[in-house]
Amino acid sequence: MQRLNPYLSPILDEIDRLLNDAALTNEHQIIKHLQDKKIVPFDNFSLADPKGLFSAHFLCMHALYHLKKFYRDNRSFTLDIQFVRIQRIPVDETSLLNNEDSTALETNDPLESYYLTSEA
């Protein structure tokens, strides 16, 4: 996976591994997985504390949108990020060649722009 920065890379790598085992998950499961695997800084976030919960949420979404962009750039998966559900979907090469799936790869998502341009 393309390295963005040393801080974000382990988070992206671990989320990618999780999605290899469970293509359909949710934000809470991702955050708990990152905590269980002791991925910095998730291992220090307290979800009972409002600031810790917000930080975990924001960093998780920031990482998910970077992963979505990585998958899109590599034409390997589509990452469907919704408020309660995150699903990784393989991109069908035949559809790409026929340009049938190009809209799925090029959708405008204002939340993606927000999480990608914000500093984590």
N, C-alpha and C. Protein backbone atom coordinates (compact mmCIF):
# COMPACT_ATOMS: atom_id res chain seq x y z
N MET A 1 0.84 -1.18 0.00
CA MET A 1 0.00 0.00 0.00
C MET A 1 0.88 1.24 0.00
N GLN A 2 0.48 2.21 -0.79
CA GLN A 2 1.23 3.46 -0.88
C GLN A 2 1.30 4.09 0.51
N ARG A 3 2.46 4.55 0.87
CA ARG A 3 2.64 5.13 2.20
C ARG A 3 2.34 6.63 2.17
N LEU A 4 1.43 7.05 3.05
CA LEU A 4 1.07 8.46 3.15
C LEU A 4 1.97 9.14 4.16
N ASN A 5 2.00 8.60 5.35
CA ASN A 5 2.89 9.07 6.40
C ASN A 5 3.04 7.93 7.40
N PRO A 6 4.09 7.93 8.16
CA PRO A 6 4.33 6.80 9.07
C PRO A 6 3.25 6.65 10.14
N TYR A 7 2.53 7.69 10.44
CA TYR A 7 1.49 7.64 11.47
C TYR A 7 0.23 6.95 10.95
N LEU A 8 -0.16 7.23 9.71
CA LEU A 8 -1.40 6.71 9.14
C LEU A 8 -1.23 5.31 8.54
N SER A 9 -0.06 4.99 8.06
CA SER A 9 0.16 3.72 7.36
C SER A 9 -0.23 2.48 8.17
N PRO A 10 0.17 2.35 9.44
CA PRO A 10 -0.24 1.15 10.19
C PRO A 10 -1.75 1.05 10.36
N ILE A 11 -2.42 2.17 10.45
CA ILE A 11 -3.88 2.18 10.58
C ILE A 11 -4.50 1.66 9.29
N LEU A 12 -4.04 2.19 8.15
CA LEU A 12 -4.57 1.75 6.85
C LEU A 12 -4.30 0.27 6.63
N ASP A 13 -3.10 -0.16 6.95
CA ASP A 13 -2.74 -1.57 6.75
C ASP A 13 -3.63 -2.48 7.60
N GLU A 14 -3.89 -2.09 8.84
CA GLU A 14 -4.71 -2.94 9.71
C GLU A 14 -6.17 -2.94 9.28
N ILE A 15 -6.70 -1.81 8.85
CA ILE A 15 -8.07 -1.78 8.35
C ILE A 15 -8.18 -2.64 7.09
N ASP A 16 -7.18 -2.57 6.23
CA ASP A 16 -7.18 -3.40 5.02
C ASP A 16 -7.19 -4.89 5.39
N ARG A 17 -6.39 -5.27 6.38
CA ARG A 17 -6.38 -6.67 6.83
C ARG A 17 -7.75 -7.08 7.39
N LEU A 18 -8.36 -6.19 8.16
CA LEU A 18 -9.69 -6.47 8.71
C LEU A 18 -10.70 -6.68 7.58
N LEU A 19 -10.64 -5.83 6.56
CA LEU A 19 -11.58 -5.93 5.44
C LEU A 19 -11.32 -7.17 4.59
N ASN A 20 -10.10 -7.70 4.62
CA ASN A 20 -9.84 -8.96 3.94
C ASN A 20 -10.62 -10.10 4.59
N ASP A 21 -10.81 -10.01 5.91
CA ASP A 21 -11.53 -11.04 6.65
C ASP A 21 -13.02 -10.78 6.72
N ALA A 22 -13.40 -9.51 6.71
CA ALA A 22 -14.82 -9.13 6.82
C ALA A 22 -15.07 -7.91 5.95
N ALA A 23 -15.52 -8.15 4.72
CA ALA A 23 -15.72 -7.05 3.78
C ALA A 23 -16.83 -6.10 4.24
N LEU A 24 -17.72 -6.57 5.09
CA LEU A 24 -18.81 -5.74 5.62
C LEU A 24 -18.60 -5.59 7.13
N THR A 25 -18.48 -4.35 7.57
CA THR A 25 -18.25 -4.08 9.00
C THR A 25 -18.86 -2.73 9.32
N ASN A 26 -18.55 -2.20 10.48
CA ASN A 26 -19.02 -0.86 10.83
C ASN A 26 -17.91 -0.12 11.57
N GLU A 27 -18.12 1.14 11.75
CA GLU A 27 -17.08 2.00 12.36
C GLU A 27 -16.70 1.52 13.76
N HIS A 28 -17.68 1.15 14.56
CA HIS A 28 -17.39 0.71 15.92
C HIS A 28 -16.53 -0.55 15.91
N GLN A 29 -16.84 -1.51 15.04
CA GLN A 29 -16.04 -2.73 14.96
C GLN A 29 -14.61 -2.42 14.51
N ILE A 30 -14.47 -1.47 13.59
CA ILE A 30 -13.13 -1.09 13.12
C ILE A 30 -12.33 -0.47 14.27
N ILE A 31 -12.94 0.46 14.99
CA ILE A 31 -12.24 1.11 16.10
C ILE A 31 -11.87 0.09 17.17
N LYS A 32 -12.79 -0.81 17.52
CA LYS A 32 -12.49 -1.84 18.52
C LYS A 32 -11.37 -2.75 18.03
N HIS A 33 -11.38 -3.10 16.76
CA HIS A 33 -10.32 -3.93 16.19
C HIS A 33 -8.97 -3.23 16.31
N LEU A 34 -8.93 -1.95 15.96
CA LEU A 34 -7.68 -1.19 16.05
C LEU A 34 -7.20 -1.10 17.50
N GLN A 35 -8.14 -0.96 18.44
CA GLN A 35 -7.76 -0.94 19.85
C GLN A 35 -7.23 -2.31 20.29
N ASP A 36 -7.91 -3.38 19.89
CA ASP A 36 -7.48 -4.73 20.27
C ASP A 36 -6.10 -5.06 19.71
N LYS A 37 -5.80 -4.55 18.51
CA LYS A 37 -4.50 -4.79 17.89
C LYS A 37 -3.44 -3.82 18.38
N LYS A 38 -3.84 -2.93 19.30
CA LYS A 38 -2.94 -1.95 19.90
C LYS A 38 -2.28 -1.04 18.85
N ILE A 39 -3.11 -0.59 17.90
CA ILE A 39 -2.64 0.33 16.86
C ILE A 39 -2.67 1.75 17.43
N VAL A 40 -1.55 2.41 17.38
CA VAL A 40 -1.41 3.78 17.89
C VAL A 40 -2.17 4.72 16.95
N PRO A 41 -2.91 5.66 17.46
CA PRO A 41 -3.21 6.03 18.84
C PRO A 41 -4.49 5.41 19.37
N PHE A 42 -5.12 4.50 18.58
CA PHE A 42 -6.39 3.91 19.02
C PHE A 42 -6.25 3.17 20.34
N ASP A 43 -5.08 2.65 20.61
CA ASP A 43 -4.87 1.94 21.88
C ASP A 43 -4.96 2.87 23.08
N ASN A 44 -4.89 4.18 22.85
CA ASN A 44 -4.98 5.15 23.95
C ASN A 44 -6.31 5.90 24.02
N PHE A 45 -7.17 5.70 23.01
CA PHE A 45 -8.46 6.40 23.01
C PHE A 45 -9.43 5.72 23.97
N SER A 46 -10.06 6.52 24.82
CA SER A 46 -11.14 6.02 25.68
C SER A 46 -12.45 6.40 25.01
N LEU A 47 -13.23 5.39 24.61
CA LEU A 47 -14.50 5.67 23.95
C LEU A 47 -15.56 6.17 24.93
N ALA A 48 -15.28 6.08 26.23
CA ALA A 48 -16.19 6.62 27.25
C ALA A 48 -16.02 8.13 27.40
N ASP A 49 -14.89 8.65 26.94
CA ASP A 49 -14.59 10.08 27.03
C ASP A 49 -15.00 10.74 25.71
N PRO A 50 -15.80 11.82 25.75
CA PRO A 50 -16.25 12.46 24.51
C PRO A 50 -15.10 12.86 23.57
N LYS A 51 -14.01 13.38 24.13
CA LYS A 51 -12.88 13.77 23.29
C LYS A 51 -12.22 12.53 22.66
N GLY A 52 -12.07 11.47 23.42
CA GLY A 52 -11.49 10.23 22.91
C GLY A 52 -12.38 9.62 21.83
N LEU A 53 -13.69 9.64 22.07
CA LEU A 53 -14.64 9.10 21.10
C LEU A 53 -14.59 9.90 19.79
N PHE A 54 -14.58 11.23 19.89
CA PHE A 54 -14.50 12.06 18.68
C PHE A 54 -13.19 11.81 17.96
N SER A 55 -12.09 11.76 18.69
CA SER A 55 -10.78 11.54 18.07
C SER A 55 -10.73 10.20 17.34
N ALA A 56 -11.27 9.15 17.98
CA ALA A 56 -11.29 7.83 17.36
C ALA A 56 -12.16 7.85 16.10
N HIS A 57 -13.32 8.48 16.20
CA HIS A 57 -14.23 8.58 15.05
C HIS A 57 -13.55 9.33 13.91
N PHE A 58 -13.01 10.50 14.21
CA PHE A 58 -12.42 11.33 13.15
C PHE A 58 -11.26 10.61 12.48
N LEU A 59 -10.36 10.03 13.27
CA LEU A 59 -9.19 9.36 12.69
C LEU A 59 -9.60 8.12 11.91
N CYS A 60 -10.60 7.41 12.38
CA CYS A 60 -11.10 6.24 11.65
C CYS A 60 -11.66 6.67 10.30
N MET A 61 -12.47 7.71 10.28
CA MET A 61 -13.06 8.19 9.02
C MET A 61 -11.98 8.75 8.09
N HIS A 62 -11.03 9.46 8.64
CA HIS A 62 -9.91 10.00 7.86
C HIS A 62 -9.17 8.84 7.18
N ALA A 63 -8.90 7.78 7.94
CA ALA A 63 -8.21 6.62 7.38
C ALA A 63 -9.07 5.90 6.35
N LEU A 64 -10.36 5.74 6.63
CA LEU A 64 -11.23 5.05 5.68
C LEU A 64 -11.30 5.77 4.33
N TYR A 65 -11.36 7.09 4.37
CA TYR A 65 -11.41 7.83 3.10
C TYR A 65 -10.08 7.77 2.36
N HIS A 66 -8.98 7.71 3.07
CA HIS A 66 -7.68 7.49 2.40
C HIS A 66 -7.63 6.10 1.78
N LEU A 67 -8.16 5.11 2.50
CA LEU A 67 -8.20 3.75 1.97
C LEU A 67 -9.12 3.67 0.75
N LYS A 68 -10.24 4.36 0.81
CA LYS A 68 -11.17 4.41 -0.33
C LYS A 68 -10.48 4.98 -1.56
N LYS A 69 -9.73 6.06 -1.36
CA LYS A 69 -9.00 6.69 -2.47
C LYS A 69 -7.93 5.74 -3.01
N PHE A 70 -7.23 5.06 -2.12
CA PHE A 70 -6.21 4.09 -2.54
C PHE A 70 -6.83 2.99 -3.39
N TYR A 71 -7.93 2.42 -2.91
CA TYR A 71 -8.62 1.37 -3.67
C TYR A 71 -9.09 1.89 -5.03
N ARG A 72 -9.65 3.09 -5.04
CA ARG A 72 -10.14 3.68 -6.29
C ARG A 72 -8.99 3.92 -7.26
N ASP A 73 -7.89 4.48 -6.76
CA ASP A 73 -6.74 4.75 -7.63
C ASP A 73 -6.16 3.47 -8.21
N ASN A 74 -6.22 2.39 -7.45
CA ASN A 74 -5.70 1.11 -7.91
C ASN A 74 -6.75 0.24 -8.60
N ARG A 75 -7.97 0.77 -8.67
CA ARG A 75 -9.08 0.05 -9.31
C ARG A 75 -9.23 -1.37 -8.79
N SER A 76 -9.10 -1.50 -7.47
CA SER A 76 -9.19 -2.83 -6.86
C SER A 76 -10.50 -3.04 -6.11
N PHE A 77 -10.96 -2.02 -5.43
CA PHE A 77 -12.20 -2.11 -4.66
C PHE A 77 -12.90 -0.77 -4.66
N THR A 78 -14.17 -0.81 -4.34
CA THR A 78 -14.94 0.37 -3.99
C THR A 78 -15.18 0.26 -2.49
N LEU A 79 -14.98 1.31 -1.76
CA LEU A 79 -15.25 1.28 -0.32
C LEU A 79 -16.51 2.10 -0.08
N ASP A 80 -17.57 1.43 0.28
CA ASP A 80 -18.86 2.06 0.53
C ASP A 80 -18.91 2.46 2.00
N ILE A 81 -18.79 3.74 2.27
CA ILE A 81 -18.75 4.24 3.65
C ILE A 81 -20.08 4.93 3.94
N GLN A 82 -20.83 4.35 4.84
CA GLN A 82 -22.09 4.95 5.29
C GLN A 82 -21.97 5.15 6.79
N PHE A 83 -22.93 5.82 7.37
CA PHE A 83 -22.81 6.16 8.79
C PHE A 83 -22.69 4.94 9.69
N VAL A 84 -23.37 3.86 9.37
CA VAL A 84 -23.32 2.70 10.26
C VAL A 84 -22.73 1.47 9.58
N ARG A 85 -22.35 1.58 8.29
CA ARG A 85 -21.88 0.41 7.57
C ARG A 85 -20.76 0.80 6.62
N ILE A 86 -19.71 -0.02 6.61
CA ILE A 86 -18.60 0.16 5.68
C ILE A 86 -18.45 -1.15 4.93
N GLN A 87 -18.48 -1.09 3.60
CA GLN A 87 -18.38 -2.32 2.81
C GLN A 87 -17.37 -2.13 1.69
N ARG A 88 -16.45 -3.10 1.56
CA ARG A 88 -15.48 -3.10 0.47
C ARG A 88 -16.03 -4.01 -0.62
N ILE A 89 -16.07 -3.49 -1.86
CA ILE A 89 -16.67 -4.20 -2.99
C ILE A 89 -15.62 -4.34 -4.09
N PRO A 90 -15.35 -5.57 -4.56
CA PRO A 90 -14.40 -5.73 -5.66
C PRO A 90 -14.89 -5.01 -6.91
N VAL A 91 -13.96 -4.41 -7.65
CA VAL A 91 -14.29 -3.76 -8.90
C VAL A 91 -14.19 -4.81 -9.99
N ASP A 92 -15.24 -4.92 -10.80
CA ASP A 92 -15.28 -5.88 -11.89
C ASP A 92 -14.50 -5.32 -13.08
N GLU A 93 -13.40 -5.97 -13.43
CA GLU A 93 -12.53 -5.50 -14.52
C GLU A 93 -13.29 -5.42 -15.85
N THR A 94 -14.19 -6.36 -16.11
CA THR A 94 -14.95 -6.34 -17.35
C THR A 94 -15.79 -5.07 -17.44
N SER A 95 -16.42 -4.71 -16.33
CA SER A 95 -17.22 -3.49 -16.30
C SER A 95 -16.36 -2.26 -16.51
N LEU A 96 -15.14 -2.27 -15.94
CA LEU A 96 -14.24 -1.13 -16.13
C LEU A 96 -13.84 -0.98 -17.58
N LEU A 97 -13.56 -2.10 -18.24
CA LEU A 97 -13.19 -2.06 -19.66
C LEU A 97 -14.33 -1.55 -20.52
N ASN A 98 -15.56 -1.88 -20.13
CA ASN A 98 -16.74 -1.42 -20.85
C ASN A 98 -17.23 -0.07 -20.34
N ASN A 99 -16.52 0.50 -19.38
CA ASN A 99 -16.84 1.80 -18.79
C ASN A 99 -18.20 1.82 -18.09
N GLU A 100 -18.69 0.65 -17.67
CA GLU A 100 -19.98 0.59 -16.99
C GLU A 100 -19.89 1.00 -15.53
N ASP A 101 -18.75 0.74 -14.91
CA ASP A 101 -18.60 0.97 -13.49
C ASP A 101 -17.86 2.26 -13.17
N SER A 102 -17.56 3.08 -14.18
CA SER A 102 -16.74 4.26 -13.93
C SER A 102 -17.42 5.25 -13.00
N THR A 103 -18.75 5.32 -13.02
CA THR A 103 -19.42 6.25 -12.11
C THR A 103 -19.26 5.82 -10.66
N ALA A 104 -19.18 4.52 -10.40
CA ALA A 104 -18.97 4.05 -9.02
C ALA A 104 -17.60 4.47 -8.51
N LEU A 105 -16.62 4.56 -9.41
CA LEU A 105 -15.28 4.93 -9.00
C LEU A 105 -15.12 6.45 -8.89
N GLU A 106 -16.00 7.20 -9.52
CA GLU A 106 -15.82 8.65 -9.62
C GLU A 106 -16.91 9.44 -8.90
N THR A 107 -17.64 8.83 -8.00
CA THR A 107 -18.72 9.54 -7.33
C THR A 107 -18.17 10.67 -6.47
N ASN A 108 -18.93 11.75 -6.41
CA ASN A 108 -18.56 12.90 -5.60
C ASN A 108 -19.11 12.69 -4.19
N ASP A 109 -18.24 12.66 -3.22
CA ASP A 109 -18.63 12.44 -1.84
C ASP A 109 -18.08 13.58 -1.00
N PRO A 110 -18.93 14.53 -0.58
CA PRO A 110 -18.44 15.67 0.19
C PRO A 110 -17.76 15.28 1.50
N LEU A 111 -18.22 14.21 2.14
CA LEU A 111 -17.55 13.76 3.37
C LEU A 111 -16.15 13.28 3.08
N GLU A 112 -15.94 12.65 1.93
CA GLU A 112 -14.60 12.20 1.55
C GLU A 112 -13.66 13.40 1.47
N SER A 113 -14.12 14.47 0.82
CA SER A 113 -13.30 15.67 0.71
C SER A 113 -12.97 16.24 2.09
N TYR A 114 -13.95 16.26 2.99
CA TYR A 114 -13.73 16.79 4.32
C TYR A 114 -12.67 15.98 5.07
N TYR A 115 -12.82 14.66 5.08
CA TYR A 115 -11.89 13.83 5.85
C TYR A 115 -10.52 13.73 5.23
N LEU A 116 -10.42 13.87 3.89
CA LEU A 116 -9.11 13.79 3.25
C LEU A 116 -8.33 15.09 3.38
N THR A 117 -9.01 16.22 3.44
CA THR A 117 -8.29 17.49 3.50
C THR A 117 -8.03 17.94 4.94
N SER A 118 -8.68 17.33 5.89
CA SER A 118 -8.47 17.69 7.29
C SER A 118 -7.22 17.01 7.82
N GLU A 119 -6.51 17.69 8.66
CA GLU A 119 -5.30 17.14 9.29
C GLU A 119 -5.72 16.20 10.41
N ALA A 120 -5.12 15.04 10.42
CA ALA A 120 -5.43 14.07 11.49
C ALA A 120 -4.53 14.31 12.68
